[in-house]
Protein backbone atom coordinates (compact mmCIF):
# COMPACT_ATOMS: atom_id res chain seq x y z
CA UNK A 1 92.81 85.47 101.57
CA UNK A 2 89.62 86.44 99.71
CA UNK A 3 86.89 88.40 101.46
CA UNK A 4 83.97 86.46 102.95
CA UNK A 5 81.55 89.31 103.53
CA UNK A 6 80.08 92.14 101.48
CA UNK A 7 79.22 94.58 104.26
CA UNK A 8 77.57 96.93 101.75
CA UNK A 9 74.76 94.37 101.46
CA UNK A 10 74.07 94.52 105.22
CA UNK A 11 71.67 96.86 107.02
CA UNK A 12 72.86 99.18 109.78
CA UNK A 13 70.88 98.78 113.01
CA UNK A 14 72.57 100.71 115.84
CA UNK A 15 76.06 102.19 115.63
CA UNK A 16 78.42 99.76 113.91
CA UNK A 17 76.07 96.82 114.32
CA UNK A 18 74.94 95.39 110.94
CA UNK A 19 72.67 92.51 109.98
CA UNK A 20 71.61 90.88 106.72
CA UNK A 21 71.01 87.64 104.81
CA UNK A 22 73.68 85.26 103.59
CA UNK A 23 72.18 85.14 100.10
CA UNK A 24 73.01 88.80 99.61
CA UNK A 25 76.10 89.42 101.74
CA UNK A 26 78.01 86.11 102.06
CA UNK A 27 80.57 85.82 99.26
CA UNK A 28 81.37 82.15 99.95
CA UNK A 29 78.13 80.07 100.11
CA UNK A 30 80.03 77.06 101.43
CA UNK A 31 80.29 78.77 104.82
CA UNK A 32 76.51 78.66 105.27
CA UNK A 33 76.47 75.03 104.12
CA UNK A 34 79.07 74.25 106.79
CA UNK A 35 77.05 76.01 109.50
CA UNK A 36 73.92 74.08 108.57
CA UNK A 37 75.83 70.81 108.48
CA UNK A 38 77.19 71.47 111.97
CA UNK A 39 73.69 72.18 113.28
CA UNK A 40 72.37 68.95 111.76
CA UNK A 41 75.35 67.05 113.11
CA UNK A 42 74.73 68.35 116.62
CA UNK A 43 71.04 67.46 116.44
CA UNK A 44 71.81 63.94 115.26
CA UNK A 45 74.45 63.36 117.93
CA UNK A 46 72.61 64.82 120.91
CA UNK A 47 70.33 62.50 122.91
CA UNK A 48 67.63 64.35 124.83
CA UNK A 49 66.82 62.99 128.30
CA UNK A 50 64.90 63.99 131.38
CA UNK A 51 66.36 63.39 134.83
CA UNK A 52 64.74 59.99 135.27
CA UNK A 53 65.94 58.73 131.90
CA UNK A 54 69.44 60.12 132.54
CA UNK A 55 69.78 57.83 135.58
CA UNK A 56 69.16 54.80 133.35
CA UNK A 57 70.83 55.79 130.10
CA UNK A 58 74.06 57.62 130.95
CA UNK A 59 76.77 54.95 131.19
CA UNK A 60 79.68 55.03 133.61
CA UNK A 61 82.66 57.13 132.58
CA UNK A 62 84.11 60.61 132.69
CA UNK A 63 82.02 63.51 131.39
CA UNK A 64 82.20 67.23 130.76
CA UNK A 65 78.99 68.89 131.96
CA UNK A 66 78.13 72.32 130.53
CA UNK A 67 75.45 74.72 131.67
CA UNK A 68 72.88 74.97 128.85
CA UNK A 69 72.38 78.53 127.64
CA UNK A 70 68.90 79.43 126.36
CA UNK A 71 70.05 81.20 123.22
CA UNK A 72 70.37 80.79 119.46
CA UNK A 73 72.71 78.28 117.85
CA UNK A 74 75.21 80.41 115.94
CA UNK A 75 78.66 80.05 114.45
CA UNK A 76 81.34 82.70 114.71
CA UNK A 77 83.29 83.12 111.46
CA UNK A 78 86.78 84.64 111.55
CA UNK A 79 89.40 85.42 108.92
CA UNK A 80 92.43 87.46 109.94
CA UNK A 81 92.23 91.00 108.62
CA UNK A 82 88.46 90.79 107.98
CA UNK A 83 85.51 91.67 110.23
CA UNK A 84 84.43 88.76 112.43
CA UNK A 85 80.76 87.89 111.95
CA UNK A 86 78.21 85.42 113.25
CA UNK A 87 76.01 83.25 111.03
CA UNK A 88 73.05 81.07 112.02
CA UNK A 89 71.57 78.15 110.05
CA UNK A 90 68.75 80.37 108.81
CA UNK A 91 71.31 82.48 106.94
CA UNK A 92 71.21 85.57 109.20
CA UNK A 93 74.52 87.43 109.35
CA UNK A 94 75.43 89.77 112.20
CA UNK A 95 78.59 91.80 112.62
CA UNK A 96 79.93 94.93 114.31
CA UNK A 97 78.64 94.19 117.82
CA UNK A 98 81.10 94.41 120.75
CA UNK A 99 81.17 90.61 121.08
CA UNK A 100 82.32 90.32 117.44
CA UNK A 101 85.16 92.74 118.14
CA UNK A 102 86.12 90.94 121.36
CA UNK A 103 86.17 87.58 119.55
CA UNK A 104 88.34 88.94 116.72
CA UNK A 105 90.81 90.46 119.21
CA UNK A 106 91.10 87.20 121.16
CA UNK A 107 91.63 85.12 118.02
CA UNK A 108 94.20 87.55 116.63
CA UNK A 109 96.06 87.56 119.96
CA UNK A 110 96.15 83.75 119.84
CA UNK A 111 97.78 83.93 116.39
CA UNK A 112 94.88 82.24 114.61
CA UNK A 113 94.38 82.91 110.90
CA UNK A 114 90.89 81.45 110.40
CA UNK A 115 88.22 79.82 112.54
CA UNK A 116 84.63 78.52 112.61
CA UNK A 117 83.40 78.39 116.19
CA UNK A 118 80.13 76.92 117.47
CA UNK A 119 78.23 78.55 120.30
CA UNK A 120 75.06 80.11 121.69
CA UNK A 121 74.25 83.74 120.99
CA UNK A 122 72.46 85.11 124.04
CA UNK A 123 71.70 88.29 126.00
CA UNK A 124 73.59 88.94 129.23
CA UNK A 125 70.84 90.03 131.60
CA UNK A 126 71.46 92.34 134.54
CA UNK A 127 68.26 91.55 136.48
CA UNK A 128 69.44 88.21 137.86
CA UNK A 129 67.18 86.13 135.58
CA UNK A 130 68.66 83.54 133.25
CA UNK A 131 68.98 84.34 129.53
CA UNK A 132 65.99 83.47 127.34
CA UNK A 133 65.91 82.91 123.59
CA UNK A 134 63.17 85.54 123.29
CA UNK A 135 65.63 88.17 124.50
CA UNK A 136 68.31 87.41 121.93
CA UNK A 137 65.76 87.19 119.12
CA UNK A 138 64.43 90.68 119.83
CA UNK A 139 67.74 92.36 120.62
CA UNK A 140 69.71 90.79 117.78
CA UNK A 141 66.98 91.64 115.27
CA UNK A 142 66.03 95.16 116.35
CA UNK A 143 68.11 96.60 119.20
CA UNK A 144 66.83 99.89 120.60
CA UNK A 145 70.22 101.33 121.59
CA UNK A 146 73.92 100.59 121.89
CA UNK A 147 73.52 99.22 125.41
CA UNK A 148 71.29 96.47 124.03
CA UNK A 149 73.81 95.67 121.30
CA UNK A 150 76.45 95.51 124.01
CA UNK A 151 74.42 92.94 125.92
CA UNK A 152 74.76 90.38 123.11
CA UNK A 153 77.19 87.66 124.16
CA UNK A 154 78.51 84.40 122.74
CA UNK A 155 78.97 81.21 124.75
CA UNK A 156 81.52 79.01 122.94
CA UNK A 157 80.82 75.27 123.11
CA UNK A 158 82.93 73.78 120.27
CA UNK A 159 85.66 74.46 117.75
CA UNK A 160 84.76 73.27 114.26
CA UNK A 161 87.76 74.74 112.46
CA UNK A 162 90.85 76.42 113.88
CA UNK A 163 93.41 76.99 111.12
CA UNK A 164 92.20 73.85 109.36
CA UNK A 165 91.96 71.63 112.45
CA UNK A 166 88.55 70.22 113.50
CA UNK A 167 88.37 69.62 117.26
CA UNK A 168 84.62 68.98 117.46
CA UNK A 169 84.99 65.23 118.02
CA UNK A 170 87.88 65.64 120.49
CA UNK A 171 86.05 67.60 123.14
CA UNK A 172 88.79 67.47 125.74
CA UNK A 173 91.21 69.12 123.30
CA UNK A 174 88.54 71.58 122.20
CA UNK A 175 87.75 72.55 125.79
CA UNK A 176 91.41 73.22 126.50
CA UNK A 177 91.80 75.30 123.33
CA UNK A 178 88.63 77.28 124.06
CA UNK A 179 90.05 78.15 127.46
CA UNK A 180 93.34 79.29 125.95
CA UNK A 181 91.64 81.61 123.45
CA UNK A 182 88.54 82.86 125.26
CA UNK A 183 89.16 82.02 128.92
CA UNK A 184 89.44 85.65 130.01
CA UNK A 185 86.55 86.95 127.88
CA UNK A 186 83.49 88.77 129.16
CA UNK A 187 81.20 88.83 126.10
CA UNK A 188 82.81 85.81 124.39
CA UNK A 189 83.68 82.93 126.69
CA UNK A 190 83.58 79.14 126.93
CA UNK A 191 80.29 77.83 128.34
CA UNK A 192 80.61 76.98 132.02
CA UNK A 193 81.87 73.38 132.10
CA UNK A 194 82.86 71.05 134.92
CA UNK A 195 84.00 67.41 135.10
CA UNK A 196 81.73 64.65 136.39
CA UNK A 197 82.02 60.91 137.05
CA UNK A 198 79.13 58.83 135.73
CA UNK A 199 75.41 59.52 136.03
CA UNK A 200 75.56 60.28 139.76
CA UNK A 201 78.12 63.03 139.23
CA UNK A 202 76.21 64.40 136.25
CA UNK A 203 72.90 64.51 138.13
CA UNK A 204 74.44 66.15 141.16
CA UNK A 205 75.47 69.04 138.90
CA UNK A 206 72.05 68.98 137.18
CA UNK A 207 70.26 69.29 140.53
CA UNK A 208 72.46 72.20 141.61
CA UNK A 209 72.31 74.18 138.35
CA UNK A 210 68.73 73.43 137.30
CA UNK A 211 66.78 72.91 140.53
CA UNK A 212 68.70 75.31 142.75
CA UNK A 213 69.91 77.96 140.29
CA UNK A 214 67.14 77.84 137.66
CA UNK A 215 69.30 76.89 134.65
CA UNK A 216 67.54 75.61 131.53
CA UNK A 217 69.40 72.30 131.60
CA UNK A 218 72.82 70.75 131.09
CA UNK A 219 74.73 69.35 128.12
CA UNK A 220 76.85 66.28 128.88
CA UNK A 221 79.71 65.28 126.59
CA UNK A 222 82.06 62.34 126.35
CA UNK A 223 84.27 61.49 123.40
CA UNK A 224 83.38 57.80 123.90
CA UNK A 225 79.75 57.86 125.14
CA UNK A 226 78.40 60.76 123.06
CA UNK A 227 76.42 63.91 123.81
CA UNK A 228 73.35 64.16 126.05
CA UNK A 229 70.99 67.04 126.76
CA UNK A 230 69.25 66.79 130.13
CA UNK A 231 66.30 69.06 130.86
CA UNK A 232 63.32 69.01 133.20
CA UNK A 233 60.07 67.97 131.55
CA UNK A 234 57.44 70.58 130.68
CA UNK A 235 53.72 70.07 131.21
CA UNK A 236 51.15 71.41 128.73
CA UNK A 237 47.36 71.53 128.54
CA UNK A 238 46.26 70.89 124.94
CA UNK A 239 42.97 70.48 123.08
CA UNK A 240 42.08 67.03 121.72
CA UNK A 241 40.75 67.38 118.17
CA UNK A 242 41.28 63.90 116.70
CA UNK A 243 42.21 60.27 117.37
CA UNK A 244 43.19 57.03 115.65
CA UNK A 245 42.54 53.41 116.55
CA UNK A 246 45.32 50.85 116.67
CA UNK A 247 45.45 48.26 113.89
CA UNK A 248 45.84 44.50 113.55
CA UNK A 249 46.00 42.65 116.89
CA UNK A 250 45.56 45.90 118.83
CA UNK A 251 42.30 46.88 117.16
CA UNK A 252 39.83 48.24 119.69
CA UNK A 253 42.54 50.24 121.49
CA UNK A 254 43.44 53.90 121.12
CA UNK A 255 46.59 54.49 119.07
CA UNK A 256 47.09 58.23 119.60
CA UNK A 257 45.44 61.62 120.03
CA UNK A 258 45.80 64.65 117.74
CA UNK A 259 46.42 67.77 119.82
CA UNK A 260 46.12 71.50 119.20
CA UNK A 261 46.81 74.81 120.88
CA UNK A 262 44.26 77.62 120.78
CA UNK A 263 45.52 80.86 119.24
CA UNK A 264 44.49 84.30 120.59
CA UNK A 265 41.88 84.63 117.80
CA UNK A 266 40.19 81.40 118.93
CA UNK A 267 41.42 79.25 116.06
CA UNK A 268 43.04 75.87 116.71
CA UNK A 269 46.56 75.06 115.54
CA UNK A 270 47.91 71.52 115.32
CA UNK A 271 50.88 71.13 117.61
CA UNK A 272 51.49 67.44 118.33
CA UNK A 273 50.16 63.94 118.67
CA UNK A 274 50.56 61.80 121.77
CA UNK A 275 50.58 58.00 121.84
CA UNK A 276 52.61 57.24 124.95
CA UNK A 277 51.69 57.26 128.62
CA UNK A 278 48.33 55.47 128.33
CA UNK A 279 47.49 52.28 130.25
CA UNK A 280 45.82 49.47 128.32
CA UNK A 281 42.60 50.17 130.18
CA UNK A 282 42.77 53.86 129.25
CA UNK A 283 43.33 53.00 125.59
CA UNK A 284 40.13 50.95 125.56
CA UNK A 285 37.90 53.32 127.53
CA UNK A 286 39.09 56.54 125.84
CA UNK A 287 38.57 55.04 122.38
CA UNK A 288 35.04 53.99 123.29
CA UNK A 289 34.23 57.47 124.60
CA UNK A 290 35.63 59.26 121.53
CA UNK A 291 33.97 57.13 118.85
CA UNK A 292 30.59 58.75 119.57
CA UNK A 293 31.98 62.29 119.14
CA UNK A 294 33.33 62.11 115.57
CA UNK A 295 32.60 65.08 113.27
CA UNK A 296 33.29 65.99 109.64
CA UNK A 297 36.44 67.78 108.50
CA UNK A 298 37.65 69.37 105.26
CA UNK A 299 41.20 68.83 106.50
CA UNK A 300 42.84 65.40 106.74
CA UNK A 301 45.82 64.53 108.93
CA UNK A 302 47.40 61.06 109.14
CA UNK A 303 49.48 59.41 111.85
CA UNK A 304 52.80 57.58 111.54
CA UNK A 305 51.00 54.46 110.27
CA UNK A 306 49.34 56.55 107.52
CA UNK A 307 45.96 56.16 109.24
CA UNK A 308 43.73 59.23 108.97
CA UNK A 309 42.64 60.87 112.21
CA UNK A 310 38.94 60.87 113.01
CA UNK A 311 38.20 64.42 114.02
CA UNK A 312 36.36 65.44 117.18
CA UNK A 313 34.17 68.32 118.25
CA UNK A 314 36.38 70.72 120.26
CA UNK A 315 36.01 70.51 124.03
CA UNK A 316 38.30 67.84 125.47
CA UNK A 317 41.59 68.91 127.06
CA UNK A 318 44.50 66.68 128.09
CA UNK A 319 47.63 67.33 130.11
CA UNK A 320 50.85 66.01 128.63
CA UNK A 321 54.49 66.22 129.55
CA UNK A 322 57.33 66.75 127.08
CA UNK A 323 61.07 66.96 127.13
CA UNK A 324 61.57 69.94 124.87
CA UNK A 325 60.02 72.29 122.33
CA UNK A 326 61.76 73.20 119.06
CA UNK A 327 60.66 76.15 116.93
CA UNK A 328 63.27 75.98 114.15
CA UNK A 329 64.57 73.30 111.83
CA UNK A 330 68.27 72.52 111.54
CA UNK A 331 68.36 74.93 108.58
CA UNK A 332 66.85 77.71 110.66
CA UNK A 333 63.41 77.58 109.00
CA UNK A 334 60.20 77.97 110.98
CA UNK A 335 58.17 74.87 111.84
CA UNK A 336 54.78 75.59 110.30
CA UNK A 337 51.64 73.85 111.51
CA UNK A 338 48.10 73.94 110.13
CA UNK A 339 45.56 76.32 111.63
CA UNK A 340 42.01 74.97 111.74
CA UNK A 341 38.69 76.69 112.31
CA UNK A 342 35.70 74.96 113.90
CA UNK A 343 32.58 75.77 111.89
CA UNK A 344 29.87 75.49 114.53
CA UNK A 345 27.01 75.90 112.07
CA UNK A 346 28.22 73.16 109.71
CA UNK A 347 29.69 71.13 112.60
CA UNK A 348 32.99 70.48 110.84
CA UNK A 349 36.65 71.47 110.82
CA UNK A 350 37.98 73.70 108.04
CA UNK A 351 41.65 74.20 107.19
CA UNK A 352 42.78 77.84 107.11
CA UNK A 353 46.55 77.97 106.50
CA UNK A 354 49.87 77.08 108.08
CA UNK A 355 51.60 79.41 110.54
CA UNK A 356 54.86 79.05 112.49
CA UNK A 357 54.61 77.09 115.73
CA UNK A 358 56.90 74.39 117.16
CA UNK A 359 57.50 70.66 117.49
CA UNK A 360 57.07 68.89 120.82
CA UNK A 361 59.79 66.40 121.74
CA UNK A 362 58.89 63.17 123.55
CA UNK A 363 55.24 63.90 124.48
CA UNK A 364 53.64 61.68 127.13
CA UNK A 365 49.97 61.56 128.15
CA UNK A 366 49.35 62.38 131.82
CA UNK A 367 45.59 62.80 132.31
CA UNK A 368 42.31 64.23 131.04
CA UNK A 369 41.62 67.75 132.28
CA UNK A 370 37.89 67.82 132.97
CA UNK A 371 38.38 71.17 134.72
CA UNK A 372 39.69 72.85 131.56
CA UNK A 373 37.98 74.21 128.44
CA UNK A 374 39.40 74.24 124.90
CA UNK A 375 39.65 78.03 124.74
CA UNK A 376 42.40 80.67 124.46
CA UNK A 377 42.69 80.90 128.26
CA UNK A 378 42.93 77.27 129.34
CA UNK A 379 44.77 76.05 126.22
CA UNK A 380 46.71 79.25 125.69
CA UNK A 381 49.53 79.48 123.17
CA UNK A 382 51.74 81.24 125.75
CA UNK A 383 52.42 77.77 127.20
CA UNK A 384 54.63 77.34 124.14
CA UNK A 385 55.85 80.91 123.61
CA UNK A 386 57.09 81.06 127.22
CA UNK A 387 59.55 78.31 126.30
CA UNK A 388 60.47 79.03 122.65
CA UNK A 389 60.18 81.98 120.30
CA UNK A 390 57.14 81.65 118.00
CA UNK A 391 57.05 84.09 115.06
CA UNK A 392 53.71 85.69 114.13
CA UNK A 393 52.35 84.69 117.53
CA UNK A 394 49.48 87.18 117.52
CA UNK A 395 48.78 87.02 113.79
CA UNK A 396 45.26 86.10 112.80
CA UNK A 397 45.35 83.34 110.19
CA UNK A 398 42.35 84.82 108.38
CA UNK A 399 43.66 88.39 108.30
CA UNK A 400 47.18 87.54 107.15
CA UNK A 401 47.71 89.06 103.71
CA UNK A 402 49.75 87.08 101.20
CA UNK A 403 51.40 88.54 98.08
CA UNK A 404 49.17 88.76 95.00
CA UNK A 405 49.63 86.22 92.21
CA UNK A 406 50.93 87.30 88.81
CA UNK A 407 49.61 85.93 85.50
CA UNK A 408 52.56 85.05 83.25
CA UNK A 409 50.86 83.52 80.20
CA UNK A 410 47.32 83.08 78.94
CA UNK A 411 45.94 81.49 75.79
CA UNK A 412 42.30 81.01 74.76
CA UNK A 413 40.84 79.30 71.68
CA UNK A 414 37.27 78.64 70.57
CA UNK A 415 35.78 76.31 68.00
CA UNK A 416 32.23 76.23 66.64
CA UNK A 417 30.86 72.79 65.87
CA UNK A 418 27.24 72.08 64.91
CA UNK A 419 26.00 75.27 66.53
CA UNK A 420 27.94 74.80 69.79
CA UNK A 421 31.01 76.74 70.90
CA UNK A 422 33.86 74.85 72.54
CA UNK A 423 36.43 76.75 74.61
CA UNK A 424 39.92 75.85 75.76
CA UNK A 425 41.98 78.13 77.99
CA UNK A 426 45.44 77.77 79.52
CA UNK A 427 46.69 80.12 82.22
CA UNK A 428 50.13 80.13 83.86
CA UNK A 429 50.69 82.19 86.98
CA UNK A 430 53.32 82.76 89.62
CA UNK A 431 51.86 82.63 93.11
CA UNK A 432 54.52 84.84 94.78
CA UNK A 433 53.59 83.01 97.98
CA UNK A 434 56.11 80.19 98.02
CA UNK A 435 58.38 82.05 100.44
CA UNK A 436 55.48 82.90 102.75
CA UNK A 437 53.86 79.47 103.06
CA UNK A 438 54.72 75.93 102.05
CA UNK A 439 51.05 75.47 101.17
CA UNK A 440 51.73 77.27 97.88
CA UNK A 441 53.91 76.22 94.93
CA UNK A 442 55.84 78.85 93.01
CA UNK A 443 54.06 78.25 89.68
CA UNK A 444 50.68 76.92 88.53
CA UNK A 445 49.41 75.99 85.08
CA UNK A 446 45.67 75.43 84.64
CA UNK A 447 43.60 74.16 81.71
CA UNK A 448 39.88 74.82 81.28
CA UNK A 449 38.25 72.65 78.60
CA UNK A 450 34.54 73.34 77.86
CA UNK A 451 32.52 71.35 75.33
CA UNK A 452 28.70 71.55 75.67
CA UNK A 453 28.16 68.34 73.69
CA UNK A 454 30.09 66.18 76.17
CA UNK A 455 28.45 64.26 79.02
CA UNK A 456 30.75 66.22 81.37
CA UNK A 457 30.92 69.63 79.64
CA UNK A 458 33.44 71.38 81.89
CA UNK A 459 36.80 69.73 82.57
CA UNK A 460 39.94 70.99 84.31
CA UNK A 461 43.57 69.98 84.53
CA UNK A 462 46.18 71.54 86.82
CA UNK A 463 49.88 71.11 87.50
CA UNK A 464 52.14 72.89 89.96
CA UNK A 465 55.90 73.32 90.25
CA UNK A 466 58.61 75.34 91.96
CA UNK A 467 60.60 75.34 88.70
CA UNK A 468 60.02 77.96 86.00
CA UNK A 469 61.65 75.65 83.44
CA UNK A 470 59.27 72.82 84.27
CA UNK A 471 56.22 75.06 83.99
CA UNK A 472 57.47 76.27 80.60
CA UNK A 473 57.78 72.63 79.56
CA UNK A 474 54.14 72.01 80.56
CA UNK A 475 53.06 75.13 78.65
CA UNK A 476 54.73 73.91 75.47
CA UNK A 477 53.37 70.38 75.90
CA UNK A 478 49.80 71.54 76.49
CA UNK A 479 49.82 73.95 73.56
CA UNK A 480 50.77 71.12 71.24
CA UNK A 481 48.22 68.76 72.81
CA UNK A 482 45.20 71.04 73.18
CA UNK A 483 45.62 73.67 70.47
């Protein structure tokens, strides 16, 4: 069986614990594709509910209810005779921790040749508090000592491949097999799971684990009814910076509000929009109040109907509830949102750049907060970071340095005609910023065309691409056309 991992491409952290990126160390790229597919599959299958919705939407039947672990979705990869390693959808590889060794020993003892196992990577805390995703992010990335590496644990919740057999859609069989392999484990173990009958049985467990024991939530599975995630709703205070009016027969009523969080440096970052939870009376009165507060903006955002938001002077704060916050895509990428600056002197909004934040799931309007100000204290970003990990949390959008661009090609030509000099110039450059921000393409080609005898003397043309071949094609085309 061919090797899956080039450990020489990994970086040693503490002791035998190594980390790295799949692009450099994973010898079979299809493994990462499989991990990402499983994460997408789980997201598509899982229906998120709060307690009230669970009463209505969970049908009668038998369920397996698992305690939700606040960790990082990760897959454990095993081939007999090779080091076991974990791989997340973002392409981060980890190996050499005690939980990897425990998993490999359990799988070898069970006589298994190869496996891909889904679970939550988390930190086993000793202070009595429940695990938090912030803990695993810090420890897994930069552990301070071997004790921290030893606190990394893996809660198994499904078996995607065990010697060629996929048990992910036969959860009863998977649960039994997980118990056989990992039932006695300390660092690697099946997630705590109990049986329940219908919504009443499910919610009785939810109330005990979440309300009484402080668990994050529960995951409910049935081979016939599907997969449900039940969590308590969060409440957030957010700044209102824009709104749209409904269209057609609902004209004259508010459609939705554009909401932002305030970063530590005082800048506003788009976080969500909310269109549910309003009464008809509120939609009419709020719209009327907001129409007199519209200001200019260099940045344009549109709603789901492709209607542009009318931007507002900062000041209003609303309280919303939401079911969940997500800070990573199914591929493990950050969820970047635009940072805006309010220019008090010009009385307009100005776009700065995108930074990682999160998406808010199922937002619902609760009320206006007249007792709150749109500032870093009342609309603090820690409302989000207390729930999910947000990279570059304290980074100032203005101070963030991006890589310098690199000029690849340049051509200039002049022509004298009746005492006037015409100039044409083409420049191609690589931004070197495409990995840092999706606001930048990889390549840019720009034409400057100056002719003093024209009505419009100075003209420009620009094209962008993430493909070097395509930019080269434009370069060749423009040389033939303009030179």
